[in-house]
Amino acid sequence: MAIPEDIVAKIRRDFAEDDALTVLRLLSEFHRDNPELSERILRCIAFLAKGSFEGFASAVELARLDWRDLIVAAEYDGCSGEENRRRNLNAPFKA
């Protein structure tokens, strides 16, 4: 399965051109190795990367450890059990 176009566009917006190509390759490899992970997980990774390799690597590692924690980090504010959902990454990124 290919990376959805909205995610590709987000990565290209957030990263320098050469860096975006590298991140897209790494994200594609991660997705290929973990085909059970949804587009939502890929969007969470792209969102948390915030244009940095360090952020991208941290988000991928979080997805590997527990994808539920990744969703909480990307979609919710707070970590006290009183989180407020701020975004729904089931939906594609807006252009």
C-alpha atoms as a PDB file:
ATOM      1  CA  MET A   1       0.000   0.000   0.000  1.00  0.00           C
ATOM      2  CA  ALA A   2       1.321   3.416  -0.937  1.00  0.00           C
ATOM      3  CA  ILE A   3       1.546   6.300   1.494  1.00  0.00           C
ATOM      4  CA  PRO A   4      -1.639   8.412   1.130  1.00  0.00           C
ATOM      5  CA  GLU A   5      -1.157  11.656  -0.790  1.00  0.00           C
ATOM      6  CA  ASP A   6      -2.165  13.876   2.140  1.00  0.00           C
ATOM      7  CA  ILE A   7       0.652  12.399   4.232  1.00  0.00           C
ATOM      8  CA  VAL A   8       3.141  12.797   1.376  1.00  0.00           C
ATOM      9  CA  ALA A   9       2.087  16.447   1.026  1.00  0.00           C
ATOM     10  CA  LYS A  10       2.454  17.037   4.803  1.00  0.00           C
ATOM     11  CA  ILE A  11       5.974  15.582   4.819  1.00  0.00           C
ATOM     12  CA  ARG A  12       6.921  17.684   1.779  1.00  0.00           C
ATOM     13  CA  ARG A  13       5.577  20.831   3.477  1.00  0.00           C
ATOM     14  CA  ASP A  14       7.320  20.171   6.780  1.00  0.00           C
ATOM     15  CA  PHE A  15      10.743  18.947   5.605  1.00  0.00           C
ATOM     16  CA  ALA A  16      13.372  20.303   3.234  1.00  0.00           C
ATOM     17  CA  GLU A  17      13.184  18.616  -0.192  1.00  0.00           C
ATOM     18  CA  ASP A  18      16.034  16.121   0.261  1.00  0.00           C
ATOM     19  CA  ASP A  19      14.997  15.385   3.832  1.00  0.00           C
ATOM     20  CA  ALA A  20      11.394  14.816   2.753  1.00  0.00           C
ATOM     21  CA  LEU A  21      12.492  12.161   0.266  1.00  0.00           C
ATOM     22  CA  THR A  22      14.432  10.360   2.985  1.00  0.00           C
ATOM     23  CA  VAL A  23      11.562  10.551   5.466  1.00  0.00           C
ATOM     24  CA  LEU A  24       9.088   9.287   2.855  1.00  0.00           C
ATOM     25  CA  ARG A  25      11.372   6.355   2.054  1.00  0.00           C
ATOM     26  CA  LEU A  26      11.725   5.511   5.755  1.00  0.00           C
ATOM     27  CA  LEU A  27       7.989   5.867   6.342  1.00  0.00           C
ATOM     28  CA  SER A  28       7.276   3.596   3.358  1.00  0.00           C
ATOM     29  CA  GLU A  29       9.686   0.978   4.707  1.00  0.00           C
ATOM     30  CA  PHE A  30       8.115   1.213   8.157  1.00  0.00           C
ATOM     31  CA  HIS A  31       4.656   0.798   6.656  1.00  0.00           C
ATOM     32  CA  ARG A  32       5.801  -2.120   4.476  1.00  0.00           C
ATOM     33  CA  ASP A  33       7.196  -3.866   7.567  1.00  0.00           C
ATOM     34  CA  ASN A  34       4.031  -3.092   9.591  1.00  0.00           C
ATOM     35  CA  PRO A  35       1.134  -3.363   7.111  1.00  0.00           C
ATOM     36  CA  GLU A  36      -1.394  -3.776   9.901  1.00  0.00           C
ATOM     37  CA  LEU A  37      -0.893  -0.163  10.962  1.00  0.00           C
ATOM     38  CA  SER A  38      -3.546   2.225   9.692  1.00  0.00           C
ATOM     39  CA  GLU A  39      -3.272   5.492   7.819  1.00  0.00           C
ATOM     40  CA  ARG A  40      -4.145   7.126  11.141  1.00  0.00           C
ATOM     41  CA  ILE A  41      -0.868   5.844  12.608  1.00  0.00           C
ATOM     42  CA  LEU A  42       1.077   7.190   9.627  1.00  0.00           C
ATOM     43  CA  ARG A  43      -0.623  10.580  10.057  1.00  0.00           C
ATOM     44  CA  CYS A  44       0.257  10.581  13.756  1.00  0.00           C
ATOM     45  CA  ILE A  45       3.900   9.932  12.871  1.00  0.00           C
ATOM     46  CA  ALA A  46       3.895  12.728  10.269  1.00  0.00           C
ATOM     47  CA  PHE A  47       2.208  15.136  12.693  1.00  0.00           C
ATOM     48  CA  LEU A  48       4.598  14.430  15.569  1.00  0.00           C
ATOM     49  CA  ALA A  49       7.681  14.643  13.332  1.00  0.00           C
ATOM     50  CA  LYS A  50       7.146  18.420  13.019  1.00  0.00           C
ATOM     51  CA  GLY A  51       9.765  18.657  10.290  1.00  0.00           C
ATOM     52  CA  SER A  52      12.645  17.047  12.186  1.00  0.00           C
ATOM     53  CA  PHE A  53      14.377  13.701  11.832  1.00  0.00           C
ATOM     54  CA  GLU A  54      14.552  13.450  15.613  1.00  0.00           C
ATOM     55  CA  GLY A  55      10.795  13.959  15.892  1.00  0.00           C
ATOM     56  CA  PHE A  56      10.195  11.445  13.117  1.00  0.00           C
ATOM     57  CA  ALA A  57      12.447   8.835  14.755  1.00  0.00           C
ATOM     58  CA  SER A  58      10.765   9.380  18.137  1.00  0.00           C
ATOM     59  CA  ALA A  59       7.298   8.999  16.610  1.00  0.00           C
ATOM     60  CA  VAL A  60       8.273   5.792  14.786  1.00  0.00           C
ATOM     61  CA  GLU A  61       9.763   4.380  17.970  1.00  0.00           C
ATOM     62  CA  LEU A  62       6.584   5.235  19.878  1.00  0.00           C
ATOM     63  CA  ALA A  63       4.528   3.497  17.168  1.00  0.00           C
ATOM     64  CA  ARG A  64       6.712   0.402  17.534  1.00  0.00           C
ATOM     65  CA  LEU A  65       6.351   0.358  21.318  1.00  0.00           C
ATOM     66  CA  ASP A  66       2.616   1.065  21.559  1.00  0.00           C
ATOM     67  CA  TRP A  67       0.591   2.658  18.780  1.00  0.00           C
ATOM     68  CA  ARG A  68      -2.048   3.734  21.318  1.00  0.00           C
ATOM     69  CA  ASP A  69       0.463   6.008  23.051  1.00  0.00           C
ATOM     70  CA  LEU A  70       1.329   7.445  19.635  1.00  0.00           C
ATOM     71  CA  ILE A  71      -2.330   8.342  19.024  1.00  0.00           C
ATOM     72  CA  VAL A  72      -2.637   9.966  22.439  1.00  0.00           C
ATOM     73  CA  ALA A  73       0.529  12.001  21.829  1.00  0.00           C
ATOM     74  CA  ALA A  74      -0.665  13.177  18.403  1.00  0.00           C
ATOM     75  CA  GLU A  75      -4.378  13.694  18.918  1.00  0.00           C
ATOM     76  CA  TYR A  76      -4.759  14.684  22.558  1.00  0.00           C
ATOM     77  CA  ASP A  77      -3.438  17.392  24.854  1.00  0.00           C
ATOM     78  CA  GLY A  78      -2.530  16.358  28.369  1.00  0.00           C
ATOM     79  CA  CYS A  79      -1.359  13.178  29.991  1.00  0.00           C
ATOM     80  CA  SER A  80      -3.120  13.154  33.358  1.00  0.00           C
ATOM     81  CA  GLY A  81      -6.057  11.019  32.349  1.00  0.00           C
ATOM     82  CA  GLU A  82      -8.026  14.168  31.605  1.00  0.00           C
ATOM     83  CA  GLU A  83      -6.920  14.463  27.986  1.00  0.00           C
ATOM     84  CA  ASN A  84      -8.797  16.631  25.556  1.00  0.00           C
ATOM     85  CA  ARG A  85      -8.914  15.466  21.971  1.00  0.00           C
ATOM     86  CA  ARG A  86      -7.641  18.258  19.729  1.00  0.00           C
ATOM     87  CA  ARG A  87      -7.432  16.557  16.332  1.00  0.00           C
ATOM     88  CA  ASN A  88      -8.742  13.510  14.506  1.00  0.00           C
ATOM     89  CA  LEU A  89      -5.997  11.963  12.400  1.00  0.00           C
ATOM     90  CA  ASN A  90      -8.379   9.388  10.949  1.00  0.00           C
ATOM     91  CA  ALA A  91      -9.223  12.211   8.559  1.00  0.00           C
ATOM     92  CA  PRO A  92      -6.715  13.290   5.894  1.00  0.00           C
ATOM     93  CA  PHE A  93      -4.573  16.367   6.466  1.00  0.00           C
ATOM     94  CA  LYS A  94      -5.982  19.488   4.886  1.00  0.00           C
ATOM     95  CA  ALA A  95      -3.898  21.107   2.157  1.00  0.00           C
END
